[in-house]
N, C-alpha and C. Protein backbone atom coordinates (compact mmCIF):
# COMPACT_ATOMS: atom_id res chain seq x y z
N UNK A 1 17.98 154.62 -122.28
CA UNK A 1 16.58 154.56 -121.98
C UNK A 1 15.83 155.35 -123.04
N UNK A 2 14.76 154.78 -123.53
CA UNK A 2 13.97 155.45 -124.55
C UNK A 2 13.21 156.62 -123.93
N UNK A 3 13.02 157.69 -124.72
CA UNK A 3 12.28 158.85 -124.19
C UNK A 3 10.88 158.48 -123.72
N UNK A 4 10.21 157.57 -124.41
CA UNK A 4 8.85 157.19 -124.02
C UNK A 4 8.85 156.45 -122.68
N UNK A 5 9.94 155.80 -122.32
CA UNK A 5 10.03 155.10 -121.03
C UNK A 5 10.37 156.07 -119.91
N UNK A 6 10.97 157.19 -120.23
CA UNK A 6 11.34 158.18 -119.21
C UNK A 6 10.14 158.98 -118.70
N UNK A 7 9.18 159.20 -119.57
CA UNK A 7 8.04 160.05 -119.20
C UNK A 7 7.28 159.50 -117.99
N UNK A 8 6.92 158.23 -117.96
CA UNK A 8 6.23 157.74 -116.76
C UNK A 8 7.09 157.86 -115.49
N UNK A 9 8.38 157.67 -115.63
CA UNK A 9 9.27 157.82 -114.47
C UNK A 9 9.32 159.24 -113.96
N UNK A 10 9.37 160.19 -114.90
CA UNK A 10 9.38 161.61 -114.52
C UNK A 10 8.06 161.98 -113.85
N UNK A 11 6.97 161.52 -114.44
CA UNK A 11 5.66 161.83 -113.86
C UNK A 11 5.50 161.21 -112.48
N UNK A 12 5.99 160.01 -112.28
CA UNK A 12 5.91 159.37 -110.97
C UNK A 12 6.74 160.15 -109.95
N UNK A 13 7.92 160.57 -110.35
CA UNK A 13 8.77 161.36 -109.45
C UNK A 13 8.11 162.68 -109.08
N UNK A 14 7.50 163.32 -110.06
CA UNK A 14 6.82 164.58 -109.81
C UNK A 14 5.64 164.38 -108.86
N UNK A 15 4.88 163.31 -109.08
CA UNK A 15 3.74 163.03 -108.20
C UNK A 15 4.20 162.78 -106.77
N UNK A 16 5.29 162.07 -106.60
CA UNK A 16 5.82 161.81 -105.26
C UNK A 16 6.30 163.10 -104.60
N UNK A 17 6.96 163.96 -105.37
CA UNK A 17 7.45 165.22 -104.83
C UNK A 17 6.30 166.12 -104.39
N UNK A 18 5.27 166.23 -105.22
CA UNK A 18 4.13 167.07 -104.88
C UNK A 18 3.37 166.47 -103.69
N UNK A 19 3.16 165.18 -103.72
CA UNK A 19 2.47 164.51 -102.62
C UNK A 19 3.23 164.65 -101.31
N UNK A 20 4.54 164.56 -101.36
CA UNK A 20 5.35 164.73 -100.16
C UNK A 20 5.28 166.14 -99.62
N UNK A 21 5.24 167.13 -100.49
CA UNK A 21 5.15 168.51 -100.06
C UNK A 21 3.81 168.78 -99.39
N UNK A 22 2.75 168.22 -99.94
CA UNK A 22 1.42 168.40 -99.35
C UNK A 22 1.35 167.70 -98.01
N UNK A 23 1.93 166.51 -97.91
CA UNK A 23 1.90 165.75 -96.67
C UNK A 23 2.73 166.42 -95.59
N UNK A 24 3.87 167.00 -95.95
CA UNK A 24 4.76 167.60 -94.98
C UNK A 24 4.30 168.99 -94.53
N UNK A 25 3.46 169.63 -95.30
CA UNK A 25 3.00 170.97 -94.95
C UNK A 25 2.10 170.90 -93.72
N UNK A 26 2.21 171.86 -92.83
CA UNK A 26 1.34 171.85 -91.66
C UNK A 26 -0.11 172.09 -92.06
N UNK A 27 -1.00 171.55 -91.30
CA UNK A 27 -2.41 171.74 -91.60
C UNK A 27 -2.77 173.19 -91.39
N UNK A 28 -3.27 173.81 -92.42
CA UNK A 28 -3.61 175.22 -92.35
C UNK A 28 -5.11 175.39 -92.19
N UNK A 29 -5.68 174.59 -91.30
CA UNK A 29 -7.10 174.73 -91.14
C UNK A 29 -7.38 175.68 -89.99
N UNK A 30 -8.35 176.49 -90.20
CA UNK A 30 -8.69 177.49 -89.20
C UNK A 30 -9.74 176.91 -88.27
N UNK A 31 -9.90 177.53 -87.14
CA UNK A 31 -10.81 177.00 -86.15
C UNK A 31 -11.78 178.08 -85.68
N UNK A 32 -12.95 178.05 -86.24
CA UNK A 32 -13.98 179.00 -85.87
C UNK A 32 -14.36 178.84 -84.41
N UNK A 33 -14.32 177.61 -83.92
CA UNK A 33 -14.67 177.34 -82.52
C UNK A 33 -13.75 178.08 -81.56
N UNK A 34 -12.48 178.22 -81.92
CA UNK A 34 -11.53 178.93 -81.05
C UNK A 34 -11.98 180.37 -80.87
N UNK A 35 -12.45 180.98 -81.93
CA UNK A 35 -12.96 182.35 -81.89
C UNK A 35 -14.18 182.41 -80.96
N UNK A 36 -15.11 181.50 -81.16
CA UNK A 36 -16.33 181.48 -80.35
C UNK A 36 -16.01 181.23 -78.88
N UNK A 37 -15.11 180.28 -78.61
CA UNK A 37 -14.75 179.95 -77.23
C UNK A 37 -14.04 181.11 -76.55
N UNK A 38 -13.24 181.83 -77.32
CA UNK A 38 -12.57 183.00 -76.78
C UNK A 38 -13.60 184.03 -76.29
N UNK A 39 -14.66 184.18 -77.05
CA UNK A 39 -15.71 185.13 -76.67
C UNK A 39 -16.57 184.60 -75.52
N UNK A 40 -16.83 183.29 -75.52
CA UNK A 40 -17.60 182.70 -74.43
C UNK A 40 -16.89 182.88 -73.09
N UNK A 41 -15.56 182.81 -73.11
CA UNK A 41 -14.78 183.02 -71.89
C UNK A 41 -14.94 184.45 -71.37
N UNK A 42 -15.28 185.37 -72.26
CA UNK A 42 -15.50 186.77 -71.88
C UNK A 42 -16.99 187.02 -71.61
N UNK A 43 -17.74 185.92 -71.48
CA UNK A 43 -19.18 186.00 -71.17
C UNK A 43 -20.00 186.63 -72.30
N UNK A 44 -19.56 186.45 -73.53
CA UNK A 44 -20.30 186.94 -74.69
C UNK A 44 -21.17 185.79 -75.19
N UNK A 45 -22.45 186.06 -75.36
CA UNK A 45 -23.35 185.04 -75.89
C UNK A 45 -23.10 184.89 -77.39
N UNK A 46 -22.85 183.66 -77.83
CA UNK A 46 -22.55 183.41 -79.24
C UNK A 46 -23.85 183.31 -80.02
N UNK A 47 -24.04 184.27 -80.91
CA UNK A 47 -25.23 184.33 -81.77
C UNK A 47 -24.81 184.05 -83.21
N UNK A 48 -25.78 184.07 -84.10
CA UNK A 48 -25.46 183.87 -85.52
C UNK A 48 -24.54 184.96 -86.04
N UNK A 49 -24.74 186.20 -85.57
CA UNK A 49 -23.86 187.30 -85.99
C UNK A 49 -22.42 187.05 -85.54
N UNK A 50 -22.27 186.55 -84.33
CA UNK A 50 -20.94 186.24 -83.80
C UNK A 50 -20.31 185.11 -84.61
N UNK A 51 -21.09 184.08 -84.92
CA UNK A 51 -20.57 182.96 -85.71
C UNK A 51 -20.12 183.43 -87.10
N UNK A 52 -20.92 184.31 -87.71
CA UNK A 52 -20.56 184.82 -89.04
C UNK A 52 -19.27 185.62 -88.96
N UNK A 53 -19.13 186.43 -87.92
CA UNK A 53 -17.92 187.22 -87.75
C UNK A 53 -16.71 186.29 -87.56
N UNK A 54 -16.88 185.25 -86.75
CA UNK A 54 -15.78 184.30 -86.53
C UNK A 54 -15.42 183.57 -87.82
N UNK A 55 -16.43 183.30 -88.65
CA UNK A 55 -16.15 182.69 -89.95
C UNK A 55 -15.29 183.61 -90.79
N UNK A 56 -15.59 184.91 -90.76
CA UNK A 56 -14.78 185.87 -91.51
C UNK A 56 -13.33 185.82 -91.02
N UNK A 57 -13.15 185.71 -89.72
CA UNK A 57 -11.80 185.59 -89.19
C UNK A 57 -11.14 184.29 -89.61
N UNK A 58 -11.92 183.24 -89.66
CA UNK A 58 -11.40 181.92 -90.06
C UNK A 58 -10.85 181.95 -91.47
N UNK A 59 -11.52 182.65 -92.37
CA UNK A 59 -11.07 182.67 -93.76
C UNK A 59 -10.02 183.75 -94.00
N UNK A 60 -9.64 184.45 -92.91
CA UNK A 60 -8.54 185.40 -93.04
C UNK A 60 -8.94 186.86 -93.18
N UNK A 61 -10.22 187.15 -93.11
CA UNK A 61 -10.68 188.52 -93.23
C UNK A 61 -10.78 189.14 -91.83
N UNK A 62 -9.63 189.49 -91.28
CA UNK A 62 -9.56 189.99 -89.92
C UNK A 62 -10.31 191.31 -89.73
N UNK A 63 -10.26 192.17 -90.72
CA UNK A 63 -10.92 193.48 -90.62
C UNK A 63 -12.42 193.30 -90.48
N UNK A 64 -13.00 192.46 -91.33
CA UNK A 64 -14.43 192.22 -91.28
C UNK A 64 -14.82 191.51 -90.00
N UNK A 65 -14.02 190.57 -89.56
CA UNK A 65 -14.27 189.84 -88.31
C UNK A 65 -14.35 190.81 -87.15
N UNK A 66 -13.35 191.63 -87.00
CA UNK A 66 -13.29 192.57 -85.89
C UNK A 66 -14.42 193.59 -85.95
N UNK A 67 -14.68 194.13 -87.13
CA UNK A 67 -15.75 195.11 -87.28
C UNK A 67 -17.12 194.50 -86.98
N UNK A 68 -17.34 193.29 -87.45
CA UNK A 68 -18.63 192.63 -87.21
C UNK A 68 -18.82 192.30 -85.74
N UNK A 69 -17.77 191.86 -85.08
CA UNK A 69 -17.87 191.55 -83.65
C UNK A 69 -18.14 192.83 -82.86
N UNK A 70 -17.45 193.90 -83.20
CA UNK A 70 -17.66 195.18 -82.51
C UNK A 70 -19.10 195.66 -82.72
N UNK A 71 -19.58 195.50 -83.94
CA UNK A 71 -20.96 195.89 -84.27
C UNK A 71 -21.97 195.05 -83.48
N UNK A 72 -21.60 193.81 -83.16
CA UNK A 72 -22.48 192.92 -82.40
C UNK A 72 -22.38 193.17 -80.90
N UNK A 73 -21.59 194.17 -80.49
CA UNK A 73 -21.52 194.52 -79.09
C UNK A 73 -20.31 194.02 -78.33
N UNK A 74 -19.36 193.43 -79.03
CA UNK A 74 -18.14 192.92 -78.39
C UNK A 74 -17.14 194.08 -78.31
N UNK A 75 -16.40 194.15 -77.20
CA UNK A 75 -15.40 195.22 -77.08
C UNK A 75 -14.33 195.06 -78.16
N UNK A 76 -13.70 196.15 -78.51
CA UNK A 76 -12.68 196.11 -79.57
C UNK A 76 -11.54 195.16 -79.20
N UNK A 77 -11.12 195.17 -77.94
CA UNK A 77 -10.03 194.31 -77.51
C UNK A 77 -10.41 192.83 -77.60
N UNK A 78 -11.61 192.49 -77.11
CA UNK A 78 -12.06 191.10 -77.18
C UNK A 78 -12.27 190.66 -78.63
N UNK A 79 -12.77 191.56 -79.46
CA UNK A 79 -12.98 191.24 -80.87
C UNK A 79 -11.65 190.96 -81.55
N UNK A 80 -10.66 191.80 -81.28
CA UNK A 80 -9.34 191.61 -81.89
C UNK A 80 -8.72 190.29 -81.46
N UNK A 81 -8.85 189.96 -80.17
CA UNK A 81 -8.29 188.69 -79.67
C UNK A 81 -8.99 187.49 -80.29
N UNK A 82 -10.31 187.55 -80.38
CA UNK A 82 -11.07 186.43 -80.95
C UNK A 82 -10.73 186.24 -82.43
N UNK A 83 -10.61 187.34 -83.15
CA UNK A 83 -10.31 187.24 -84.57
C UNK A 83 -8.89 186.73 -84.81
N UNK A 84 -7.98 186.99 -83.88
CA UNK A 84 -6.62 186.50 -84.02
C UNK A 84 -6.54 184.99 -83.87
N UNK A 85 -7.35 184.40 -83.00
CA UNK A 85 -7.27 182.96 -82.78
C UNK A 85 -8.07 182.17 -83.82
N UNK A 86 -8.94 182.84 -84.57
CA UNK A 86 -9.77 182.14 -85.55
C UNK A 86 -8.96 181.40 -86.61
N UNK A 87 -7.93 182.01 -87.21
CA UNK A 87 -7.23 181.27 -88.26
C UNK A 87 -6.09 180.38 -87.76
N UNK A 88 -5.98 180.11 -86.49
CA UNK A 88 -4.87 179.30 -85.98
C UNK A 88 -5.24 177.84 -85.89
């Protein structure tokens, strides 16, 4: 096989391998709504500050999420629980 004929085959194989890995990987999308719903169950009114804090949890910034929720009047325990469910 000529080297020039091998290159497209190698590239096709690589594309299939990468595409398969992306397809097989679990969806790593976070759910801001889970954070908000967790707080609503605790009778916390969801405000813009709460949404922003849940967004911080969604993107993986647990420290900021928890601190912002606590600052917004949420108990430390409820804030920690809500921030834990945000990135799941």
